[in-house]
Amino acid sequence: MRTELQLTEGDVIELDASHKLGKIGIFVVYKTTLDGGGTCHGPHDIYPDGHHVFCEQLCLTDLHAPKATVDFYQSGFFTNMLKNIKPIGKAVRVWRLLNI
């Protein structure tokens, strides 16, 4: 179940050193999934799926530059967690059909 603090596709976030993900800058969320759960030491040791967020760095000076990516969870029991990060904007992906 999605909560109001969970990011959605198109959200723009700013990551800095305090987030401890190894990447800093402005990122846009390009995909979210509910995954990663499982069992550990037996059938009653269950870890639920989490809200998994995938982001791509925005580089406005060179649109063809390789883009850094980062992913993290906002719920569940994972080491790479960022629970309370708020979007600073919203982005829209546009597709154009070329040379039909």
C-alpha atoms as a PDB file:
ATOM      1  CA  MET A   1       0.000   0.000   0.000  1.00  0.00           C
ATOM      2  CA  ARG A   2       1.409   3.394  -1.014  1.00  0.00           C
ATOM      3  CA  THR A   3       1.765   6.102   1.624  1.00  0.00           C
ATOM      4  CA  GLU A   4       1.850   9.833   0.975  1.00  0.00           C
ATOM      5  CA  LEU A   5       5.624  10.005   1.626  1.00  0.00           C
ATOM      6  CA  GLN A   6       6.473   7.436  -1.031  1.00  0.00           C
ATOM      7  CA  LEU A   7       7.909   8.787  -4.258  1.00  0.00           C
ATOM      8  CA  THR A   8       6.244   8.188  -7.621  1.00  0.00           C
ATOM      9  CA  GLU A   9       7.520   8.226 -11.202  1.00  0.00           C
ATOM     10  CA  GLY A  10       8.421  11.744 -12.284  1.00  0.00           C
ATOM     11  CA  ASP A  11       9.241  13.055  -8.809  1.00  0.00           C
ATOM     12  CA  VAL A  12      12.437  15.125  -8.713  1.00  0.00           C
ATOM     13  CA  ILE A  13      14.624  14.766  -5.607  1.00  0.00           C
ATOM     14  CA  GLU A  14      17.917  16.202  -4.404  1.00  0.00           C
ATOM     15  CA  LEU A  15      20.432  13.807  -2.869  1.00  0.00           C
ATOM     16  CA  ASP A  16      23.337  14.978  -0.753  1.00  0.00           C
ATOM     17  CA  ALA A  17      26.039  13.326   1.365  1.00  0.00           C
ATOM     18  CA  SER A  18      23.652  13.001   4.332  1.00  0.00           C
ATOM     19  CA  HIS A  19      21.588  10.457   2.382  1.00  0.00           C
ATOM     20  CA  LYS A  20      24.581   8.038   2.359  1.00  0.00           C
ATOM     21  CA  LEU A  21      23.845   6.558  -1.075  1.00  0.00           C
ATOM     22  CA  GLY A  22      27.199   7.522  -2.599  1.00  0.00           C
ATOM     23  CA  LYS A  23      25.624   9.891  -5.135  1.00  0.00           C
ATOM     24  CA  ILE A  24      24.784  13.583  -4.902  1.00  0.00           C
ATOM     25  CA  GLY A  25      22.808  15.853  -7.190  1.00  0.00           C
ATOM     26  CA  ILE A  26      19.353  16.210  -8.692  1.00  0.00           C
ATOM     27  CA  PHE A  27      17.626  12.948  -9.661  1.00  0.00           C
ATOM     28  CA  VAL A  28      14.308  12.050 -11.261  1.00  0.00           C
ATOM     29  CA  VAL A  29      12.374   8.911 -10.301  1.00  0.00           C
ATOM     30  CA  TYR A  30      11.895   6.830 -13.466  1.00  0.00           C
ATOM     31  CA  LYS A  31      10.439   3.659 -11.924  1.00  0.00           C
ATOM     32  CA  THR A  32       9.030   2.314  -8.674  1.00  0.00           C
ATOM     33  CA  THR A  33       8.268  -1.291  -7.777  1.00  0.00           C
ATOM     34  CA  LEU A  34       7.122  -3.332  -4.821  1.00  0.00           C
ATOM     35  CA  ASP A  35       9.796  -6.034  -4.441  1.00  0.00           C
ATOM     36  CA  GLY A  36      12.698  -7.474  -2.458  1.00  0.00           C
ATOM     37  CA  GLY A  37      10.851  -9.460   0.172  1.00  0.00           C
ATOM     38  CA  GLY A  38      11.414 -13.088   1.078  1.00  0.00           C
ATOM     39  CA  THR A  39      12.185 -15.449   3.912  1.00  0.00           C
ATOM     40  CA  CYS A  40      15.363 -15.856   5.918  1.00  0.00           C
ATOM     41  CA  HIS A  41      15.882 -18.708   8.375  1.00  0.00           C
ATOM     42  CA  GLY A  42      12.602 -20.455   7.864  1.00  0.00           C
ATOM     43  CA  PRO A  43       9.021 -20.147   6.678  1.00  0.00           C
ATOM     44  CA  HIS A  44       8.012 -17.973   9.651  1.00  0.00           C
ATOM     45  CA  ASP A  45      10.927 -15.507   9.239  1.00  0.00           C
ATOM     46  CA  ILE A  46       9.260 -13.373   6.571  1.00  0.00           C
ATOM     47  CA  TYR A  47      10.494 -10.074   5.178  1.00  0.00           C
ATOM     48  CA  PRO A  48       7.824  -8.106   3.283  1.00  0.00           C
ATOM     49  CA  ASP A  49       8.324  -6.449  -0.089  1.00  0.00           C
ATOM     50  CA  GLY A  50       9.331  -2.795  -0.012  1.00  0.00           C
ATOM     51  CA  HIS A  51       8.685   0.329  -2.084  1.00  0.00           C
ATOM     52  CA  HIS A  52      11.760   0.260  -4.391  1.00  0.00           C
ATOM     53  CA  VAL A  53      12.660   3.580  -6.074  1.00  0.00           C
ATOM     54  CA  PHE A  54      14.900   3.857  -9.174  1.00  0.00           C
ATOM     55  CA  CYS A  55      16.337   7.288 -10.078  1.00  0.00           C
ATOM     56  CA  GLU A  56      18.391   8.818 -12.876  1.00  0.00           C
ATOM     57  CA  GLN A  57      20.525  11.926 -12.442  1.00  0.00           C
ATOM     58  CA  LEU A  58      19.479  15.061 -14.300  1.00  0.00           C
ATOM     59  CA  CYS A  59      22.220  16.801 -16.250  1.00  0.00           C
ATOM     60  CA  LEU A  60      20.784  19.907 -17.883  1.00  0.00           C
ATOM     61  CA  THR A  61      24.083  21.060 -19.418  1.00  0.00           C
ATOM     62  CA  ASP A  62      24.683  17.915 -21.519  1.00  0.00           C
ATOM     63  CA  LEU A  63      21.554  15.909 -22.303  1.00  0.00           C
ATOM     64  CA  HIS A  64      23.602  13.137 -23.963  1.00  0.00           C
ATOM     65  CA  ALA A  65      26.026  12.631 -21.059  1.00  0.00           C
ATOM     66  CA  PRO A  66      25.932   9.255 -19.282  1.00  0.00           C
ATOM     67  CA  LYS A  67      23.535   9.522 -16.385  1.00  0.00           C
ATOM     68  CA  ALA A  68      24.271   8.236 -12.910  1.00  0.00           C
ATOM     69  CA  THR A  69      21.586   6.003 -11.440  1.00  0.00           C
ATOM     70  CA  VAL A  70      20.687   5.198  -7.871  1.00  0.00           C
ATOM     71  CA  ASP A  71      18.062   3.010  -6.251  1.00  0.00           C
ATOM     72  CA  PHE A  72      16.794   2.686  -2.696  1.00  0.00           C
ATOM     73  CA  TYR A  73      13.833   1.477  -0.683  1.00  0.00           C
ATOM     74  CA  GLN A  74      11.285   3.580   1.186  1.00  0.00           C
ATOM     75  CA  SER A  75       9.686   0.718   3.128  1.00  0.00           C
ATOM     76  CA  GLY A  76      10.541  -2.793   4.229  1.00  0.00           C
ATOM     77  CA  PHE A  77      13.696  -4.147   5.873  1.00  0.00           C
ATOM     78  CA  PHE A  78      16.612  -3.126   3.640  1.00  0.00           C
ATOM     79  CA  THR A  79      20.023  -1.526   4.115  1.00  0.00           C
ATOM     80  CA  ASN A  80      19.617   1.179   1.454  1.00  0.00           C
ATOM     81  CA  MET A  81      16.616   3.013   2.925  1.00  0.00           C
ATOM     82  CA  LEU A  82      15.471   6.610   2.449  1.00  0.00           C
ATOM     83  CA  LYS A  83      12.105   6.863   4.144  1.00  0.00           C
ATOM     84  CA  ASN A  84      11.378  10.576   4.431  1.00  0.00           C
ATOM     85  CA  ILE A  85      12.636  12.313   1.316  1.00  0.00           C
ATOM     86  CA  LYS A  86      10.359  14.908  -0.220  1.00  0.00           C
ATOM     87  CA  PRO A  87      10.226  15.755  -3.926  1.00  0.00           C
ATOM     88  CA  ILE A  88      11.460  19.194  -4.960  1.00  0.00           C
ATOM     89  CA  GLY A  89       9.627  19.091  -8.295  1.00  0.00           C
ATOM     90  CA  LYS A  90       7.937  16.970 -10.929  1.00  0.00           C
ATOM     91  CA  ALA A  91       9.302  15.881 -14.330  1.00  0.00           C
ATOM     92  CA  VAL A  92       7.508  14.542 -17.386  1.00  0.00           C
ATOM     93  CA  ARG A  93       9.044  12.108 -19.876  1.00  0.00           C
ATOM     94  CA  VAL A  94       8.162  12.879 -23.479  1.00  0.00           C
ATOM     95  CA  TRP A  95       8.400  10.387 -26.350  1.00  0.00           C
ATOM     96  CA  ARG A  96       8.618  11.514 -29.952  1.00  0.00           C
ATOM     97  CA  LEU A  97       8.076   9.251 -32.940  1.00  0.00           C
ATOM     98  CA  LEU A  98      10.806   9.810 -35.527  1.00  0.00           C
ATOM     99  CA  ASN A  99      11.092   8.501 -39.096  1.00  0.00           C
ATOM    100  CA  ILE A 100       8.106   6.215 -39.504  1.00  0.00           C
END
